[in-house]
Amino acid sequence: MLLIARVVIVVLYCILVCVFGCIWCLFRPRDPRHVATFGHMFGRLAAVFGLKVETRKPAQAQTYGNAIYIANHQNNYDMVTASRIVQPPTVTVGKKSLVWIPFFGQLYWLTGNLLIDRNNRTRAHGTIAEVVKQFRERTISIWMFPEGTRSRGRGLLPFKTGAFHAAIAAGVPIIPVCVSNTSNKVKLNRWNNGLVIVEMLPPVDVSAWGKDQVRELAAHCHQLMQDKIDALDKEVAEREAAPQAQKNQAS
């Protein structure tokens, strides 16, 4: 019964947000500030899934300016966890086929996100050039998933180098965003699905890295994120175990 109720609520909420969002964005189409606005709205669904999402970010996060945000990409629940920490004006880079998803695809385009053709390497490289151009012409940040696909419980996958090429070419910092494990965490028939921590790390200055050091930069950021994700997973496990331990002691 709980599963059915959740599915109905999520579907209706998403349709309403997408329809309202498309109408709202028609007044300022492709404005990058829309992404954070509606990302935070989707983040409200975390409570429906029985998740408590805790966000952490540096005190100066709102003053960072142009940057490339990189985050671990686990599954579809990223839409209700990682989305809560998106800073305006930030847009994401997604595959071109997203635009054909009813309601969501139209909102995704109207909010100003960038679309790439992953089946066409020439166009994909052109997208990196477009990202650099956007940085040079506008006050904007880009959110990318350097793994290139959902990890689905396989841990932090190796990084592709596109985000790091763009950061070096544009001269903007890389800001890692780490989300604790959500793989197999959500059971739709269970009321409480526990804690998820989303943490934004300090910016990584790319000025010391040359074009021939892209893979080293990617490896450096991968290690930073892996260490933080491991620490977050450990903290979540300890905090979720504490109430049960206290209950056992009391009994």
Protein backbone atom coordinates (compact mmCIF):
# COMPACT_ATOMS: atom_id res chain seq x y z
CA MET A 1 0.00 0.00 0.00
CA LEU A 2 2.84 2.38 0.91
CA LEU A 3 4.57 1.61 -2.40
CA ILE A 4 1.43 2.47 -4.39
CA ALA A 5 0.87 5.67 -2.43
CA ARG A 6 4.45 6.78 -3.02
CA VAL A 7 4.32 6.04 -6.75
CA VAL A 8 1.08 8.01 -7.15
CA ILE A 9 2.40 10.98 -5.18
CA VAL A 10 5.72 11.05 -7.07
CA VAL A 11 4.11 10.77 -10.51
CA LEU A 12 1.52 13.48 -9.81
CA TYR A 13 4.08 15.79 -8.21
CA CYS A 14 6.55 15.39 -11.08
CA ILE A 15 3.87 16.08 -13.69
CA LEU A 16 2.69 19.18 -11.83
CA VAL A 17 6.22 20.51 -11.38
CA CYS A 18 7.10 19.87 -15.02
CA VAL A 19 3.93 21.44 -16.42
CA PHE A 20 4.11 24.43 -14.09
CA GLY A 21 7.85 24.70 -14.74
CA CYS A 22 7.45 24.74 -18.52
CA ILE A 23 4.87 27.51 -18.30
CA TRP A 24 7.02 29.48 -15.86
CA CYS A 25 10.15 29.10 -17.99
CA LEU A 26 8.38 30.41 -21.09
CA PHE A 27 8.65 33.87 -19.54
CA ARG A 28 12.45 33.48 -19.23
CA PRO A 29 13.39 30.50 -21.40
CA ARG A 30 16.84 28.94 -20.96
CA ASP A 31 17.63 31.08 -17.89
CA PRO A 32 20.24 29.03 -15.95
CA ARG A 33 18.80 30.12 -12.60
CA HIS A 34 15.81 27.88 -13.28
CA VAL A 35 17.87 24.71 -12.83
CA ALA A 36 18.50 25.25 -9.11
CA THR A 37 14.89 26.37 -8.56
CA PHE A 38 13.35 23.23 -9.98
CA GLY A 39 16.16 20.99 -8.79
CA HIS A 40 15.33 22.01 -5.24
CA MET A 41 11.66 21.34 -5.92
CA PHE A 42 12.44 17.79 -7.02
CA GLY A 43 14.59 17.48 -3.91
CA ARG A 44 11.45 17.80 -1.79
CA LEU A 45 10.53 14.29 -2.93
CA ALA A 46 13.23 12.88 -0.64
CA ALA A 47 10.76 12.91 2.25
CA VAL A 48 8.23 10.99 0.16
CA PHE A 49 10.84 8.26 -0.34
CA GLY A 50 11.49 8.13 3.40
CA LEU A 51 14.94 9.70 3.07
CA LYS A 52 16.47 12.29 5.34
CA VAL A 53 18.91 14.28 3.21
CA GLU A 54 21.57 16.33 4.95
CA THR A 55 23.47 18.86 2.84
CA ARG A 56 26.84 20.36 3.66
CA LYS A 57 28.67 23.07 1.76
CA PRO A 58 31.48 25.54 2.46
CA ALA A 59 30.42 28.90 3.86
CA GLN A 60 31.71 30.64 0.72
CA ALA A 61 29.79 28.40 -1.70
CA GLN A 62 27.49 31.17 -2.91
CA THR A 63 30.46 33.33 -3.94
CA TYR A 64 32.43 30.79 -5.98
CA GLY A 65 31.42 32.16 -9.39
CA ASN A 66 32.05 30.18 -12.57
CA ALA A 67 33.00 26.57 -11.85
CA ILE A 68 32.52 23.00 -12.95
CA TYR A 69 30.75 20.87 -10.36
CA ILE A 70 31.41 17.14 -10.55
CA ALA A 71 29.32 14.59 -8.65
CA ASN A 72 29.06 10.83 -8.30
CA HIS A 73 26.14 9.44 -10.31
CA GLN A 74 24.52 6.47 -8.58
CA ASN A 75 20.93 6.08 -9.77
CA ASN A 76 17.68 7.97 -10.34
CA TYR A 77 17.54 8.98 -6.67
CA ASP A 78 20.25 11.54 -7.46
CA MET A 79 17.34 13.73 -8.57
CA VAL A 80 16.12 13.99 -4.97
CA THR A 81 19.50 13.97 -3.18
CA ALA A 82 22.25 15.75 -5.14
CA SER A 83 19.72 18.21 -6.61
CA ARG A 84 19.23 19.79 -3.17
CA ILE A 85 22.71 21.32 -3.18
CA VAL A 86 22.74 22.85 -6.69
CA GLN A 87 23.82 26.51 -6.62
CA PRO A 88 22.35 29.02 -9.09
CA PRO A 89 23.20 29.73 -11.84
CA THR A 90 24.29 26.15 -12.58
CA VAL A 91 23.19 24.01 -15.53
CA THR A 92 23.81 20.34 -16.15
CA VAL A 93 25.11 18.48 -19.18
CA GLY A 94 22.86 15.61 -20.23
CA LYS A 95 22.35 13.31 -23.16
CA LYS A 96 20.28 14.65 -26.04
CA SER A 97 17.66 11.90 -25.76
CA LEU A 98 16.45 13.35 -22.44
CA VAL A 99 14.44 15.96 -24.34
CA TRP A 100 12.03 13.25 -25.53
CA ILE A 101 10.94 12.24 -22.03
CA PRO A 102 7.35 13.51 -21.65
CA PHE A 103 7.06 16.60 -19.45
CA PHE A 104 10.53 16.27 -17.88
CA GLY A 105 12.44 16.52 -21.15
CA GLN A 106 10.76 19.77 -22.10
CA LEU A 107 11.46 21.26 -18.66
CA TYR A 108 15.07 20.05 -18.85
CA TRP A 109 15.60 22.00 -22.07
CA LEU A 110 13.66 25.12 -21.07
CA THR A 111 15.62 25.50 -17.83
CA GLY A 112 18.81 25.98 -19.86
CA ASN A 113 20.61 22.66 -19.49
CA LEU A 114 23.11 21.63 -22.18
CA LEU A 115 22.43 18.56 -24.33
CA ILE A 116 25.09 16.37 -25.94
CA ASP A 117 24.97 13.55 -28.46
CA ARG A 118 26.91 10.76 -26.77
CA ASN A 119 26.73 8.62 -29.89
CA ASN A 120 28.61 11.24 -31.88
CA ARG A 121 32.16 11.84 -30.60
CA THR A 122 32.64 14.90 -32.83
CA ARG A 123 29.57 16.61 -31.38
CA ALA A 124 30.60 15.56 -27.86
CA HIS A 125 33.97 17.29 -28.31
CA GLY A 126 32.09 20.28 -29.70
CA THR A 127 30.07 20.37 -26.49
CA ILE A 128 33.26 20.81 -24.46
CA ALA A 129 34.09 23.78 -26.67
CA GLU A 130 30.58 25.11 -26.08
CA VAL A 131 31.04 24.74 -22.32
CA VAL A 132 34.23 26.79 -22.50
CA LYS A 133 32.44 29.40 -24.62
CA GLN A 134 29.63 29.64 -22.05
CA PHE A 135 32.15 30.32 -19.29
CA ARG A 136 33.79 33.09 -21.28
CA GLU A 137 30.53 34.82 -22.15
CA ARG A 138 28.34 34.36 -19.07
CA THR A 139 28.33 34.02 -15.31
CA ILE A 140 27.41 30.36 -15.17
CA SER A 141 28.51 27.05 -13.70
CA ILE A 142 28.25 23.58 -15.19
CA TRP A 143 27.29 20.38 -13.35
CA MET A 144 28.72 17.17 -14.81
CA PHE A 145 28.83 13.50 -13.87
CA PRO A 146 32.38 12.48 -14.85
CA GLU A 147 31.62 8.76 -14.53
CA GLY A 148 29.47 9.15 -17.64
CA THR A 149 26.84 6.67 -16.44
CA ARG A 150 25.03 5.53 -13.30
CA SER A 151 27.22 3.36 -11.07
CA ARG A 152 24.26 1.29 -9.74
CA GLY A 153 26.07 -0.06 -6.70
CA ARG A 154 29.48 -0.56 -8.34
CA GLY A 155 31.14 2.22 -6.36
CA LEU A 156 32.77 5.32 -7.84
CA LEU A 157 33.52 4.44 -11.47
CA PRO A 158 36.57 5.73 -13.40
CA PHE A 159 36.22 9.30 -14.62
CA LYS A 160 36.01 10.41 -18.22
CA THR A 161 38.13 13.47 -18.96
CA GLY A 162 35.66 15.89 -20.60
CA ALA A 163 34.92 17.91 -17.46
CA PHE A 164 38.63 18.29 -16.73
CA HIS A 165 39.51 19.33 -20.28
CA ALA A 166 36.82 22.01 -20.05
CA ALA A 167 37.97 23.25 -16.63
CA ILE A 168 41.59 23.64 -17.74
CA ALA A 169 40.62 25.30 -21.03
CA ALA A 170 38.24 27.74 -19.34
CA GLY A 171 40.44 28.32 -16.30
CA VAL A 172 37.64 27.62 -13.82
CA PRO A 173 37.87 25.55 -10.62
CA ILE A 174 36.43 22.08 -10.18
CA ILE A 175 34.10 21.63 -7.22
CA PRO A 176 33.47 18.01 -6.19
CA VAL A 177 30.07 17.06 -4.76
CA CYS A 178 29.87 13.74 -2.92
CA VAL A 179 26.70 11.79 -2.13
CA SER A 180 26.73 8.92 0.35
CA ASN A 181 25.58 5.52 -0.86
CA THR A 182 21.96 5.18 -1.99
CA SER A 183 22.32 1.84 -3.80
CA ASN A 184 19.72 -0.64 -2.48
CA LYS A 185 18.94 1.82 0.30
CA VAL A 186 15.40 2.75 -0.67
CA LYS A 187 12.65 0.18 -0.17
CA LEU A 188 9.37 1.67 -1.33
CA ASN A 189 7.34 -0.43 1.12
CA ARG A 190 9.49 0.70 4.07
CA TRP A 191 8.54 3.93 5.81
CA ASN A 192 12.01 5.06 6.92
CA ASN A 193 14.84 4.63 4.43
CA GLY A 194 17.49 6.37 6.44
CA LEU A 195 20.04 9.12 6.01
CA VAL A 196 21.83 10.44 2.92
CA ILE A 197 24.59 13.05 3.20
CA VAL A 198 25.42 15.35 0.29
CA GLU A 199 28.65 17.27 0.78
CA MET A 200 30.28 19.91 -1.41
CA LEU A 201 34.06 19.97 -1.16
CA PRO A 202 36.27 23.08 -1.49
CA PRO A 203 37.19 24.09 -5.06
CA VAL A 204 40.11 22.41 -6.78
CA ASP A 205 42.31 25.06 -8.42
CA VAL A 206 43.22 23.86 -11.92
CA SER A 207 45.72 26.64 -12.68
CA ALA A 208 48.64 24.37 -11.77
CA TRP A 209 47.51 21.64 -14.17
CA GLY A 210 48.41 21.72 -17.87
CA LYS A 211 46.55 20.30 -20.84
CA ASP A 212 48.86 17.28 -20.79
CA GLN A 213 47.92 16.57 -17.16
CA VAL A 214 44.19 16.07 -17.64
CA ARG A 215 44.26 12.41 -16.59
CA GLU A 216 46.31 13.24 -13.51
CA LEU A 217 43.79 15.93 -12.56
CA ALA A 218 40.92 13.48 -13.07
CA ALA A 219 42.70 10.89 -10.90
CA HIS A 220 43.33 13.50 -8.20
CA CYS A 221 39.65 14.51 -8.09
CA HIS A 222 38.58 10.86 -8.16
CA GLN A 223 40.71 10.14 -5.08
CA LEU A 224 39.35 13.20 -3.25
CA MET A 225 35.80 12.06 -3.90
CA GLN A 226 36.46 8.41 -3.11
CA ASP A 227 37.96 9.32 0.27
CA LYS A 228 35.04 11.62 1.11
CA ILE A 229 32.38 9.11 -0.02
CA ASP A 230 34.00 6.41 2.13
CA ALA A 231 33.96 8.78 5.11
CA LEU A 232 30.32 9.73 4.50
CA ASP A 233 29.26 6.08 4.19
CA LYS A 234 31.00 5.31 7.48
CA GLU A 235 29.33 8.25 9.20
CA VAL A 236 25.89 7.28 7.88
CA ALA A 237 26.36 3.68 9.05
CA GLU A 238 27.38 4.82 12.53
CA ARG A 239 24.55 7.33 12.89
CA GLU A 240 21.92 4.87 11.65
CA ALA A 241 23.22 2.16 14.01
CA ALA A 242 23.25 4.43 17.08
CA PRO A 243 19.45 4.52 17.75
CA GLN A 244 19.22 0.73 17.51
CA ALA A 245 22.18 0.34 19.89
CA GLN A 246 20.54 2.71 22.38
CA LYS A 247 17.28 0.79 22.10
CA ASN A 248 19.05 -2.51 22.76
CA GLN A 249 20.77 -1.04 25.84
CA ALA A 250 17.48 0.31 27.16
CA SER A 251 15.83 -3.09 26.85
